[in-house]
Amino acid sequence: FGFMTTVTLGLLLPAISSELRLSPSQEGLLASAVAWGAMALAIPVSLWASRYRPKQLTTVALMLGTLLLMVQGWAPAFVPLLIGRFGFGVAFLVREPARAILVQQWIPRRQIIIVSSASNVLYGLLVGGGLLLTPYILSGMGNNWRLVFYLFGGVSMAITMLWIRLGREKPTDQGARQDPPWEPRLLVSVLRYRDVWATG
């Protein structure tokens, strides 16, 4: 759903641009702000976020993402909208370490490929469905892009409530995991693997 709210901005951009009188460069900044937020802070945020329990981390990230969708709907000018988009990218990024830990906790190693494939199917359904339906939603809301963001925020709030109710961490017998402290040389050693570059 986070990806869907990110990529559908292009469909809302003519209405946003018309109301806020954006230049083409401002439109480009808005469209790329989520990616810039993720790219600029991917490594430090992931390292920081991986220290926290995945259930709580995901809950906070979902709540923050919901709030930032509402900020985007409220934004009276370009700068608050840009900050909302950039922050949404960071909130989206914060969930990734938790997702990786939860997959390791719950999914047997041999089935991780199947889970990854199922995630790709869901990605296609949500993003493709979002791109297909957003013009109809926008039209049904009188071309009011703010209402579309509020709708996205409402759906995000429902997802957050479901996560709070249903999300679980798997108890482990090992107790609290003691990870070694992060050092810059660990990142350098990871980047030496050819597979990292080929996959990227």
N, C-alpha and C. Protein backbone atom coordinates (compact mmCIF):
# COMPACT_ATOMS: atom_id res chain seq x y z
N PHE A 1 0.82 -1.19 0.00
CA PHE A 1 0.00 0.00 0.00
C PHE A 1 0.87 1.26 0.00
N GLY A 2 1.98 1.20 0.72
CA GLY A 2 2.90 2.33 0.72
C GLY A 2 3.44 2.63 -0.66
N PHE A 3 3.81 1.59 -1.40
CA PHE A 3 4.27 1.78 -2.77
C PHE A 3 3.15 2.39 -3.62
N MET A 4 1.93 1.90 -3.42
CA MET A 4 0.81 2.39 -4.22
C MET A 4 0.59 3.88 -3.98
N THR A 5 0.64 4.32 -2.72
CA THR A 5 0.44 5.74 -2.45
C THR A 5 1.59 6.58 -2.99
N THR A 6 2.73 5.95 -3.19
CA THR A 6 3.88 6.65 -3.74
C THR A 6 3.76 6.84 -5.25
N VAL A 7 3.44 5.76 -5.96
CA VAL A 7 3.44 5.83 -7.42
C VAL A 7 2.21 6.52 -8.00
N THR A 8 1.13 6.57 -7.25
CA THR A 8 -0.08 7.21 -7.79
C THR A 8 0.00 8.73 -7.76
N LEU A 9 1.06 9.29 -7.18
CA LEU A 9 1.18 10.75 -7.15
C LEU A 9 1.11 11.35 -8.56
N GLY A 10 1.70 10.65 -9.52
CA GLY A 10 1.69 11.16 -10.89
C GLY A 10 0.29 11.40 -11.42
N LEU A 11 -0.66 10.59 -10.96
CA LEU A 11 -2.05 10.76 -11.40
C LEU A 11 -2.72 11.95 -10.70
N LEU A 12 -2.22 12.29 -9.51
CA LEU A 12 -2.77 13.42 -8.76
C LEU A 12 -2.07 14.73 -9.10
N LEU A 13 -0.90 14.63 -9.71
CA LEU A 13 -0.05 15.80 -9.91
C LEU A 13 -0.70 16.91 -10.74
N PRO A 14 -1.45 16.62 -11.80
CA PRO A 14 -2.09 17.74 -12.52
C PRO A 14 -3.02 18.57 -11.62
N ALA A 15 -3.80 17.89 -10.77
CA ALA A 15 -4.70 18.61 -9.87
C ALA A 15 -3.92 19.38 -8.81
N ILE A 16 -2.86 18.75 -8.27
CA ILE A 16 -2.03 19.42 -7.26
C ILE A 16 -1.35 20.64 -7.87
N SER A 17 -0.77 20.44 -9.04
CA SER A 17 -0.05 21.51 -9.71
C SER A 17 -0.96 22.68 -10.05
N SER A 18 -2.17 22.37 -10.47
CA SER A 18 -3.11 23.41 -10.82
C SER A 18 -3.47 24.26 -9.60
N GLU A 19 -3.67 23.61 -8.46
CA GLU A 19 -4.06 24.36 -7.26
C GLU A 19 -2.88 25.12 -6.64
N LEU A 20 -1.72 24.45 -6.56
CA LEU A 20 -0.57 25.06 -5.88
C LEU A 20 0.34 25.83 -6.84
N ARG A 21 0.00 25.82 -8.13
CA ARG A 21 0.78 26.52 -9.16
C ARG A 21 2.26 26.11 -9.12
N LEU A 22 2.49 24.83 -9.32
CA LEU A 22 3.85 24.29 -9.26
C LEU A 22 4.57 24.43 -10.59
N SER A 23 5.87 24.61 -10.51
CA SER A 23 6.71 24.58 -11.72
C SER A 23 7.05 23.13 -12.04
N PRO A 24 7.52 22.85 -13.26
CA PRO A 24 7.93 21.48 -13.60
C PRO A 24 9.01 20.94 -12.65
N SER A 25 9.94 21.78 -12.21
CA SER A 25 10.98 21.30 -11.30
C SER A 25 10.39 20.95 -9.94
N GLN A 26 9.39 21.70 -9.49
CA GLN A 26 8.72 21.37 -8.23
C GLN A 26 7.94 20.06 -8.36
N GLU A 27 7.31 19.87 -9.50
CA GLU A 27 6.62 18.60 -9.74
C GLU A 27 7.60 17.43 -9.68
N GLY A 28 8.77 17.63 -10.29
CA GLY A 28 9.79 16.58 -10.27
C GLY A 28 10.28 16.29 -8.86
N LEU A 29 10.47 17.33 -8.07
CA LEU A 29 10.89 17.14 -6.67
C LEU A 29 9.83 16.38 -5.88
N LEU A 30 8.57 16.73 -6.06
CA LEU A 30 7.50 16.01 -5.36
C LEU A 30 7.45 14.55 -5.76
N ALA A 31 7.56 14.30 -7.06
CA ALA A 31 7.46 12.92 -7.54
C ALA A 31 8.62 12.06 -7.06
N SER A 32 9.78 12.67 -6.85
CA SER A 32 10.96 11.89 -6.45
C SER A 32 11.27 11.97 -4.97
N ALA A 33 10.51 12.74 -4.20
CA ALA A 33 10.86 13.00 -2.79
C ALA A 33 10.88 11.73 -1.95
N VAL A 34 9.96 10.80 -2.18
CA VAL A 34 9.94 9.56 -1.41
C VAL A 34 11.23 8.78 -1.65
N ALA A 35 11.64 8.71 -2.92
CA ALA A 35 12.87 7.99 -3.25
C ALA A 35 14.10 8.68 -2.66
N TRP A 36 14.11 10.03 -2.68
CA TRP A 36 15.24 10.76 -2.11
C TRP A 36 15.33 10.53 -0.61
N GLY A 37 14.18 10.50 0.06
CA GLY A 37 14.18 10.24 1.50
C GLY A 37 14.74 8.87 1.81
N ALA A 38 14.33 7.88 1.04
CA ALA A 38 14.82 6.52 1.25
C ALA A 38 16.31 6.43 0.92
N MET A 39 16.70 7.02 -0.19
CA MET A 39 18.10 6.90 -0.62
C MET A 39 19.05 7.63 0.33
N ALA A 40 18.66 8.81 0.77
CA ALA A 40 19.55 9.62 1.60
C ALA A 40 19.78 8.98 2.96
N LEU A 41 18.75 8.30 3.49
CA LEU A 41 18.85 7.83 4.87
C LEU A 41 18.76 6.31 5.00
N ALA A 42 18.82 5.58 3.90
CA ALA A 42 18.61 4.12 3.95
C ALA A 42 19.52 3.42 4.94
N ILE A 43 20.80 3.64 4.85
CA ILE A 43 21.73 2.90 5.71
C ILE A 43 21.65 3.35 7.16
N PRO A 44 21.76 4.66 7.47
CA PRO A 44 21.70 5.02 8.89
C PRO A 44 20.36 4.70 9.56
N VAL A 45 19.25 4.92 8.85
CA VAL A 45 17.94 4.64 9.44
C VAL A 45 17.77 3.15 9.66
N SER A 46 18.19 2.33 8.71
CA SER A 46 18.07 0.88 8.87
C SER A 46 18.91 0.37 10.03
N LEU A 47 20.12 0.89 10.16
CA LEU A 47 20.97 0.47 11.27
C LEU A 47 20.38 0.90 12.61
N TRP A 48 19.85 2.10 12.67
CA TRP A 48 19.22 2.58 13.89
C TRP A 48 17.96 1.78 14.20
N ALA A 49 17.11 1.57 13.19
CA ALA A 49 15.81 0.93 13.39
C ALA A 49 15.95 -0.54 13.77
N SER A 50 17.01 -1.20 13.30
CA SER A 50 17.16 -2.64 13.56
C SER A 50 17.43 -2.94 15.02
N ARG A 51 17.65 -1.93 15.84
CA ARG A 51 17.89 -2.15 17.27
C ARG A 51 16.60 -2.34 18.05
N TYR A 52 15.45 -2.05 17.43
CA TYR A 52 14.18 -2.08 18.15
C TYR A 52 13.37 -3.32 17.78
N ARG A 53 12.44 -3.67 18.64
CA ARG A 53 11.59 -4.84 18.39
C ARG A 53 10.73 -4.60 17.15
N PRO A 54 10.61 -5.60 16.29
CA PRO A 54 9.91 -5.39 15.01
C PRO A 54 8.44 -5.01 15.14
N LYS A 55 7.74 -5.54 16.12
CA LYS A 55 6.32 -5.19 16.27
C LYS A 55 6.16 -3.70 16.58
N GLN A 56 6.91 -3.20 17.56
CA GLN A 56 6.80 -1.79 17.94
C GLN A 56 7.33 -0.88 16.83
N LEU A 57 8.41 -1.29 16.21
CA LEU A 57 8.99 -0.49 15.13
C LEU A 57 8.00 -0.34 13.97
N THR A 58 7.37 -1.43 13.59
CA THR A 58 6.39 -1.39 12.50
C THR A 58 5.20 -0.53 12.89
N THR A 59 4.75 -0.65 14.13
CA THR A 59 3.61 0.14 14.60
C THR A 59 3.91 1.63 14.51
N VAL A 60 5.07 2.03 15.01
CA VAL A 60 5.45 3.45 14.97
C VAL A 60 5.58 3.92 13.53
N ALA A 61 6.21 3.11 12.66
CA ALA A 61 6.39 3.50 11.26
C ALA A 61 5.05 3.64 10.55
N LEU A 62 4.11 2.72 10.82
CA LEU A 62 2.78 2.81 10.19
C LEU A 62 2.03 4.04 10.67
N MET A 63 2.12 4.34 11.96
CA MET A 63 1.45 5.53 12.49
C MET A 63 2.05 6.80 11.89
N LEU A 64 3.37 6.84 11.80
CA LEU A 64 4.03 8.00 11.21
C LEU A 64 3.66 8.15 9.73
N GLY A 65 3.64 7.03 9.00
CA GLY A 65 3.25 7.07 7.59
C GLY A 65 1.83 7.58 7.40
N THR A 66 0.92 7.14 8.28
CA THR A 66 -0.47 7.60 8.22
C THR A 66 -0.54 9.11 8.46
N LEU A 67 0.16 9.57 9.48
CA LEU A 67 0.19 11.01 9.78
C LEU A 67 0.73 11.80 8.59
N LEU A 68 1.78 11.30 7.96
CA LEU A 68 2.39 12.02 6.84
C LEU A 68 1.51 12.01 5.59
N LEU A 69 0.68 10.99 5.42
CA LEU A 69 -0.31 11.02 4.33
C LEU A 69 -1.33 12.14 4.59
N MET A 70 -1.75 12.27 5.85
CA MET A 70 -2.69 13.33 6.20
C MET A 70 -2.04 14.71 6.01
N VAL A 71 -0.76 14.83 6.36
CA VAL A 71 -0.04 16.10 6.16
C VAL A 71 -0.03 16.45 4.68
N GLN A 72 0.17 15.45 3.82
CA GLN A 72 0.19 15.72 2.38
C GLN A 72 -1.18 16.21 1.90
N GLY A 73 -2.25 15.65 2.45
CA GLY A 73 -3.58 16.11 2.09
C GLY A 73 -3.86 17.52 2.58
N TRP A 74 -3.30 17.88 3.73
CA TRP A 74 -3.52 19.20 4.31
C TRP A 74 -2.65 20.28 3.70
N ALA A 75 -1.47 19.91 3.19
CA ALA A 75 -0.43 20.86 2.80
C ALA A 75 -0.97 22.06 2.03
N PRO A 76 -0.78 23.28 2.59
CA PRO A 76 -1.28 24.47 1.92
C PRO A 76 -0.35 25.01 0.84
N ALA A 77 0.87 24.47 0.79
CA ALA A 77 1.86 24.99 -0.16
C ALA A 77 2.85 23.87 -0.51
N PHE A 78 3.76 24.19 -1.41
CA PHE A 78 4.72 23.21 -1.92
C PHE A 78 5.62 22.63 -0.83
N VAL A 79 6.20 23.49 0.03
CA VAL A 79 7.19 23.02 1.01
C VAL A 79 6.61 22.01 1.99
N PRO A 80 5.44 22.25 2.63
CA PRO A 80 4.89 21.22 3.52
C PRO A 80 4.57 19.91 2.79
N LEU A 81 4.12 20.03 1.54
CA LEU A 81 3.84 18.83 0.76
C LEU A 81 5.13 18.06 0.49
N LEU A 82 6.19 18.78 0.16
CA LEU A 82 7.49 18.14 -0.09
C LEU A 82 8.01 17.46 1.18
N ILE A 83 7.90 18.13 2.31
CA ILE A 83 8.34 17.54 3.58
C ILE A 83 7.53 16.29 3.90
N GLY A 84 6.22 16.34 3.66
CA GLY A 84 5.37 15.17 3.88
C GLY A 84 5.77 14.00 3.01
N ARG A 85 6.10 14.28 1.75
CA ARG A 85 6.52 13.20 0.83
C ARG A 85 7.86 12.63 1.26
N PHE A 86 8.82 13.50 1.57
CA PHE A 86 10.15 13.06 1.99
C PHE A 86 10.04 12.22 3.26
N GLY A 87 9.28 12.71 4.25
CA GLY A 87 9.10 11.99 5.50
C GLY A 87 8.42 10.66 5.31
N PHE A 88 7.47 10.59 4.36
CA PHE A 88 6.79 9.33 4.08
C PHE A 88 7.79 8.30 3.58
N GLY A 89 8.74 8.73 2.77
CA GLY A 89 9.79 7.80 2.30
C GLY A 89 10.62 7.27 3.44
N VAL A 90 10.92 8.12 4.42
CA VAL A 90 11.70 7.68 5.58
C VAL A 90 10.87 6.71 6.44
N ALA A 91 9.59 7.04 6.66
CA ALA A 91 8.72 6.16 7.45
C ALA A 91 8.57 4.80 6.77
N PHE A 92 8.47 4.83 5.46
CA PHE A 92 8.36 3.59 4.68
C PHE A 92 9.63 2.76 4.86
N LEU A 93 10.75 3.43 4.88
CA LEU A 93 12.05 2.77 5.01
C LEU A 93 12.24 2.15 6.39
N VAL A 94 11.70 2.79 7.42
CA VAL A 94 11.88 2.31 8.79
C VAL A 94 11.30 0.91 8.98
N ARG A 95 10.29 0.56 8.20
CA ARG A 95 9.66 -0.76 8.34
C ARG A 95 10.53 -1.89 7.81
N GLU A 96 11.46 -1.58 6.93
CA GLU A 96 12.21 -2.65 6.26
C GLU A 96 13.01 -3.56 7.20
N PRO A 97 13.77 -3.02 8.17
CA PRO A 97 14.48 -3.93 9.08
C PRO A 97 13.51 -4.83 9.85
N ALA A 98 12.38 -4.27 10.28
CA ALA A 98 11.40 -5.07 11.01
C ALA A 98 10.85 -6.18 10.12
N ARG A 99 10.58 -5.85 8.86
CA ARG A 99 10.06 -6.86 7.93
C ARG A 99 11.05 -8.01 7.77
N ALA A 100 12.33 -7.67 7.61
CA ALA A 100 13.35 -8.71 7.45
C ALA A 100 13.43 -9.60 8.69
N ILE A 101 13.36 -8.99 9.87
CA ILE A 101 13.43 -9.78 11.11
C ILE A 101 12.20 -10.67 11.26
N LEU A 102 11.01 -10.14 10.96
CA LEU A 102 9.78 -10.92 11.09
C LEU A 102 9.76 -12.09 10.11
N VAL A 103 10.25 -11.86 8.90
CA VAL A 103 10.32 -12.97 7.93
C VAL A 103 11.23 -14.06 8.46
N GLN A 104 12.37 -13.70 9.02
CA GLN A 104 13.29 -14.69 9.58
C GLN A 104 12.67 -15.41 10.77
N GLN A 105 11.86 -14.70 11.57
CA GLN A 105 11.24 -15.32 12.74
C GLN A 105 10.18 -16.34 12.37
N TRP A 106 9.35 -16.00 11.38
CA TRP A 106 8.16 -16.78 11.12
C TRP A 106 8.26 -17.75 9.94
N ILE A 107 9.12 -17.49 8.99
CA ILE A 107 9.13 -18.26 7.76
C ILE A 107 10.32 -19.21 7.74
N PRO A 108 10.08 -20.51 7.56
CA PRO A 108 11.21 -21.43 7.40
C PRO A 108 12.05 -21.03 6.20
N ARG A 109 13.34 -21.24 6.31
CA ARG A 109 14.28 -20.75 5.30
C ARG A 109 13.91 -21.19 3.89
N ARG A 110 13.46 -22.43 3.73
CA ARG A 110 13.13 -22.95 2.39
C ARG A 110 11.91 -22.28 1.79
N GLN A 111 11.09 -21.64 2.63
CA GLN A 111 9.85 -21.03 2.13
C GLN A 111 9.97 -19.52 1.92
N ILE A 112 11.12 -18.95 2.23
CA ILE A 112 11.29 -17.51 2.08
C ILE A 112 11.12 -17.09 0.62
N ILE A 113 11.56 -17.93 -0.31
CA ILE A 113 11.38 -17.63 -1.74
C ILE A 113 9.89 -17.53 -2.08
N ILE A 114 9.08 -18.44 -1.53
CA ILE A 114 7.64 -18.42 -1.80
C ILE A 114 7.02 -17.14 -1.22
N VAL A 115 7.44 -16.78 0.00
CA VAL A 115 6.93 -15.56 0.62
C VAL A 115 7.33 -14.34 -0.20
N SER A 116 8.56 -14.33 -0.69
CA SER A 116 9.02 -13.22 -1.53
C SER A 116 8.19 -13.14 -2.81
N SER A 117 7.90 -14.28 -3.40
CA SER A 117 7.08 -14.30 -4.62
C SER A 117 5.67 -13.81 -4.33
N ALA A 118 5.10 -14.24 -3.20
CA ALA A 118 3.76 -13.79 -2.83
C ALA A 118 3.75 -12.28 -2.59
N SER A 119 4.83 -11.76 -2.00
CA SER A 119 4.93 -10.31 -1.81
C SER A 119 4.94 -9.58 -3.14
N ASN A 120 5.63 -10.15 -4.14
CA ASN A 120 5.65 -9.53 -5.46
C ASN A 120 4.27 -9.54 -6.11
N VAL A 121 3.52 -10.62 -5.89
CA VAL A 121 2.15 -10.69 -6.42
C VAL A 121 1.29 -9.60 -5.76
N LEU A 122 1.39 -9.48 -4.42
CA LEU A 122 0.62 -8.45 -3.72
C LEU A 122 1.02 -7.05 -4.18
N TYR A 123 2.32 -6.87 -4.38
CA TYR A 123 2.82 -5.59 -4.88
C TYR A 123 2.15 -5.26 -6.21
N GLY A 124 2.14 -6.23 -7.12
CA GLY A 124 1.53 -6.00 -8.43
C GLY A 124 0.04 -5.70 -8.33
N LEU A 125 -0.66 -6.44 -7.46
CA LEU A 125 -2.10 -6.22 -7.30
C LEU A 125 -2.40 -4.84 -6.73
N LEU A 126 -1.67 -4.47 -5.67
CA LEU A 126 -1.95 -3.19 -5.03
C LEU A 126 -1.51 -2.00 -5.87
N VAL A 127 -0.31 -2.07 -6.41
CA VAL A 127 0.19 -0.94 -7.20
C VAL A 127 -0.58 -0.84 -8.51
N GLY A 128 -0.74 -1.97 -9.18
CA GLY A 128 -1.51 -1.97 -10.44
C GLY A 128 -2.95 -1.56 -10.21
N GLY A 129 -3.56 -2.11 -9.16
CA GLY A 129 -4.95 -1.75 -8.83
C GLY A 129 -5.07 -0.28 -8.45
N GLY A 130 -4.08 0.21 -7.70
CA GLY A 130 -4.09 1.62 -7.31
C GLY A 130 -3.98 2.55 -8.50
N LEU A 131 -3.09 2.20 -9.42
CA LEU A 131 -2.94 3.01 -10.63
C LEU A 131 -4.21 2.98 -11.47
N LEU A 132 -4.87 1.83 -11.50
CA LEU A 132 -6.11 1.71 -12.27
C LEU A 132 -7.26 2.49 -11.63
N LEU A 133 -7.36 2.43 -10.28
CA LEU A 133 -8.52 3.01 -9.61
C LEU A 133 -8.37 4.48 -9.23
N THR A 134 -7.15 4.96 -9.06
CA THR A 134 -6.96 6.33 -8.59
C THR A 134 -7.64 7.37 -9.47
N PRO A 135 -7.58 7.28 -10.80
CA PRO A 135 -8.30 8.29 -11.60
C PRO A 135 -9.81 8.30 -11.32
N TYR A 136 -10.39 7.13 -11.08
CA TYR A 136 -11.82 7.05 -10.77
C TYR A 136 -12.11 7.62 -9.38
N ILE A 137 -11.21 7.33 -8.44
CA ILE A 137 -11.38 7.88 -7.09
C ILE A 137 -11.28 9.40 -7.13
N LEU A 138 -10.27 9.91 -7.84
CA LEU A 138 -10.09 11.35 -7.97
C LEU A 138 -11.31 12.00 -8.62
N SER A 139 -11.79 11.39 -9.68
CA SER A 139 -12.97 11.92 -10.36
C SER A 139 -14.19 11.87 -9.45
N GLY A 140 -14.36 10.76 -8.72
CA GLY A 140 -15.49 10.62 -7.80
C GLY A 140 -15.45 11.61 -6.64
N MET A 141 -14.28 12.14 -6.35
CA MET A 141 -14.13 13.12 -5.28
C MET A 141 -14.04 14.54 -5.83
N GLY A 142 -14.58 14.74 -7.02
CA GLY A 142 -14.65 16.08 -7.60
C GLY A 142 -13.29 16.66 -7.93
N ASN A 143 -12.35 15.78 -8.33
CA ASN A 143 -10.99 16.21 -8.69
C ASN A 143 -10.26 16.87 -7.51
N ASN A 144 -10.66 16.50 -6.28
CA ASN A 144 -10.05 17.04 -5.07
C ASN A 144 -8.95 16.09 -4.60
N TRP A 145 -7.72 16.42 -4.95
CA TRP A 145 -6.59 15.56 -4.60
C TRP A 145 -6.38 15.43 -3.10
N ARG A 146 -6.79 16.44 -2.35
CA ARG A 146 -6.65 16.39 -0.88
C ARG A 146 -7.50 15.27 -0.30
N LEU A 147 -8.71 15.12 -0.80
CA LEU A 147 -9.59 14.05 -0.32
C LEU A 147 -9.00 12.68 -0.64
N VAL A 148 -8.31 12.57 -1.77
CA VAL A 148 -7.68 11.30 -2.11
C VAL A 148 -6.58 10.96 -1.09
N PHE A 149 -5.78 11.96 -0.72
CA PHE A 149 -4.76 11.73 0.31
C PHE A 149 -5.40 11.37 1.65
N TYR A 150 -6.51 12.02 1.98
CA TYR A 150 -7.19 11.69 3.23
C TYR A 150 -7.74 10.26 3.18
N LEU A 151 -8.23 9.86 2.01
CA LEU A 151 -8.70 8.47 1.85
C LEU A 151 -7.53 7.51 2.03
N PHE A 152 -6.41 7.80 1.39
CA PHE A 152 -5.22 6.96 1.57
C PHE A 152 -4.82 6.91 3.05
N GLY A 153 -4.88 8.06 3.72
CA GLY A 153 -4.56 8.11 5.14
C GLY A 153 -5.52 7.26 5.96
N GLY A 154 -6.80 7.27 5.60
CA GLY A 154 -7.79 6.44 6.29
C GLY A 154 -7.52 4.96 6.11
N VAL A 155 -7.18 4.57 4.89
CA VAL A 155 -6.84 3.16 4.64
C VAL A 155 -5.59 2.79 5.42
N SER A 156 -4.61 3.68 5.43
CA SER A 156 -3.38 3.44 6.18
C SER A 156 -3.67 3.30 7.67
N MET A 157 -4.61 4.10 8.18
CA MET A 157 -4.98 3.99 9.58
C MET A 157 -5.63 2.64 9.87
N ALA A 158 -6.48 2.17 8.95
CA ALA A 158 -7.10 0.85 9.12
C ALA A 158 -6.04 -0.25 9.11
N ILE A 159 -5.06 -0.15 8.21
CA ILE A 159 -3.96 -1.13 8.16
C ILE A 159 -3.18 -1.10 9.47
N THR A 160 -2.94 0.10 9.99
CA THR A 160 -2.23 0.24 11.26
C THR A 160 -3.00 -0.42 12.40
N MET A 161 -4.31 -0.21 12.44
CA MET A 161 -5.13 -0.83 13.49
C MET A 161 -5.10 -2.36 13.37
N LEU A 162 -5.18 -2.85 12.13
CA LEU A 162 -5.09 -4.30 11.92
C LEU A 162 -3.74 -4.84 12.39
N TRP A 163 -2.68 -4.11 12.08
CA TRP A 163 -1.35 -4.55 12.50
C TRP A 163 -1.24 -4.59 14.02
N ILE A 164 -1.75 -3.53 14.69
CA ILE A 164 -1.69 -3.49 16.15
C ILE A 164 -2.44 -4.68 16.74
N ARG A 165 -3.57 -5.03 16.12
CA ARG A 165 -4.40 -6.13 16.62
C ARG A 165 -3.82 -7.50 16.29
N LEU A 166 -3.31 -7.66 15.06
CA LEU A 166 -2.93 -8.99 14.58
C LEU A 166 -1.44 -9.25 14.50
N GLY A 167 -0.63 -8.20 14.41
CA GLY A 167 0.82 -8.39 14.25
C GLY A 167 1.44 -9.05 15.47
N ARG A 168 2.34 -9.99 15.22
CA ARG A 168 2.98 -10.74 16.30
C ARG A 168 4.46 -10.92 16.03
N GLU A 169 5.20 -10.99 17.12
CA GLU A 169 6.59 -11.44 17.05
C GLU A 169 6.61 -12.87 17.53
N LYS A 170 7.51 -13.66 16.99
CA LYS A 170 7.61 -15.05 17.41
C LYS A 170 8.54 -15.13 18.61
N PRO A 171 8.04 -15.68 19.73
CA PRO A 171 8.93 -15.81 20.88
C PRO A 171 10.08 -16.76 20.56
N THR A 172 11.26 -16.44 21.02
CA THR A 172 12.43 -17.29 20.78
C THR A 172 12.97 -17.79 22.10
N ASP A 173 13.61 -18.94 22.05
CA ASP A 173 14.21 -19.52 23.25
C ASP A 173 15.55 -18.88 23.56
N GLN A 174 16.09 -18.17 22.60
CA GLN A 174 17.43 -17.63 22.76
C GLN A 174 17.45 -16.38 23.64
N GLY A 175 16.29 -15.82 23.95
CA GLY A 175 16.26 -14.57 24.71
C GLY A 175 16.61 -13.42 23.79
N ALA A 176 16.97 -12.33 24.35
CA ALA A 176 17.30 -11.15 23.55
C ALA A 176 18.56 -11.41 22.75
N ARG A 177 18.51 -11.09 21.50
CA ARG A 177 19.65 -11.28 20.62
C ARG A 177 20.67 -10.19 20.87
N GLN A 178 21.89 -10.58 21.02
CA GLN A 178 22.96 -9.60 21.23
C GLN A 178 23.75 -9.45 19.94
N ASP A 179 23.45 -8.43 19.19
CA ASP A 179 24.18 -8.18 17.95
C ASP A 179 25.47 -7.44 18.26
N PRO A 180 26.52 -7.72 17.51
CA PRO A 180 27.75 -6.96 17.71
C PRO A 180 27.52 -5.51 17.30
N PRO A 181 28.23 -4.58 17.94
CA PRO A 181 28.06 -3.18 17.56
C PRO A 181 28.44 -2.97 16.10
N TRP A 182 27.71 -2.06 15.45
CA TRP A 182 27.98 -1.80 14.04
C TRP A 182 29.24 -0.97 13.90
N GLU A 183 30.03 -1.34 12.90
CA GLU A 183 31.23 -0.58 12.59
C GLU A 183 31.26 -0.32 11.09
N PRO A 184 31.86 0.80 10.66
CA PRO A 184 31.91 1.10 9.22
C PRO A 184 32.53 -0.02 8.39
N ARG A 185 33.50 -0.75 8.96
CA ARG A 185 34.15 -1.80 8.17
C ARG A 185 33.19 -2.94 7.83
N LEU A 186 32.10 -3.10 8.63
CA LEU A 186 31.11 -4.13 8.29
C LEU A 186 30.40 -3.80 6.98
N LEU A 187 30.06 -2.53 6.79
CA LEU A 187 29.43 -2.12 5.54
C LEU A 187 30.38 -2.35 4.37
N VAL A 188 31.63 -2.00 4.55
CA VAL A 188 32.63 -2.20 3.49
C VAL A 188 32.74 -3.68 3.14
N SER A 189 32.72 -4.54 4.17
CA SER A 189 32.84 -5.98 3.89
C SER A 189 31.62 -6.51 3.15
N VAL A 190 30.44 -5.99 3.46
CA VAL A 190 29.23 -6.41 2.74
C VAL A 190 29.31 -5.98 1.28
N LEU A 191 29.81 -4.77 1.03
CA LEU A 191 29.87 -4.26 -0.34
C LEU A 191 30.92 -4.97 -1.20
N ARG A 192 31.74 -5.81 -0.60
CA ARG A 192 32.72 -6.57 -1.37
C ARG A 192 32.10 -7.77 -2.08
N TYR A 193 30.91 -8.17 -1.68
CA TYR A 193 30.26 -9.32 -2.31
C TYR A 193 29.72 -8.93 -3.68
N ARG A 194 30.10 -9.69 -4.70
CA ARG A 194 29.61 -9.41 -6.05
C ARG A 194 28.10 -9.52 -6.14
N ASP A 195 27.52 -10.45 -5.37
CA ASP A 195 26.07 -10.68 -5.44
C ASP A 195 25.30 -9.43 -5.04
N VAL A 196 25.82 -8.66 -4.09
CA VAL A 196 25.14 -7.43 -3.67
C VAL A 196 25.02 -6.48 -4.86
N TRP A 197 26.12 -6.32 -5.60
CA TRP A 197 26.12 -5.41 -6.75
C TRP A 197 25.27 -5.96 -7.89
N ALA A 198 25.36 -7.26 -8.13
CA ALA A 198 24.59 -7.85 -9.24
C ALA A 198 23.09 -7.78 -8.94
N THR A 199 22.70 -8.07 -7.71
CA THR A 199 21.29 -8.02 -7.35
C THR A 199 20.79 -6.58 -7.39
N GLY A 200 21.63 -5.65 -6.86
CA GLY A 200 21.24 -4.23 -6.86
C GLY A 200 21.04 -3.72 -8.27
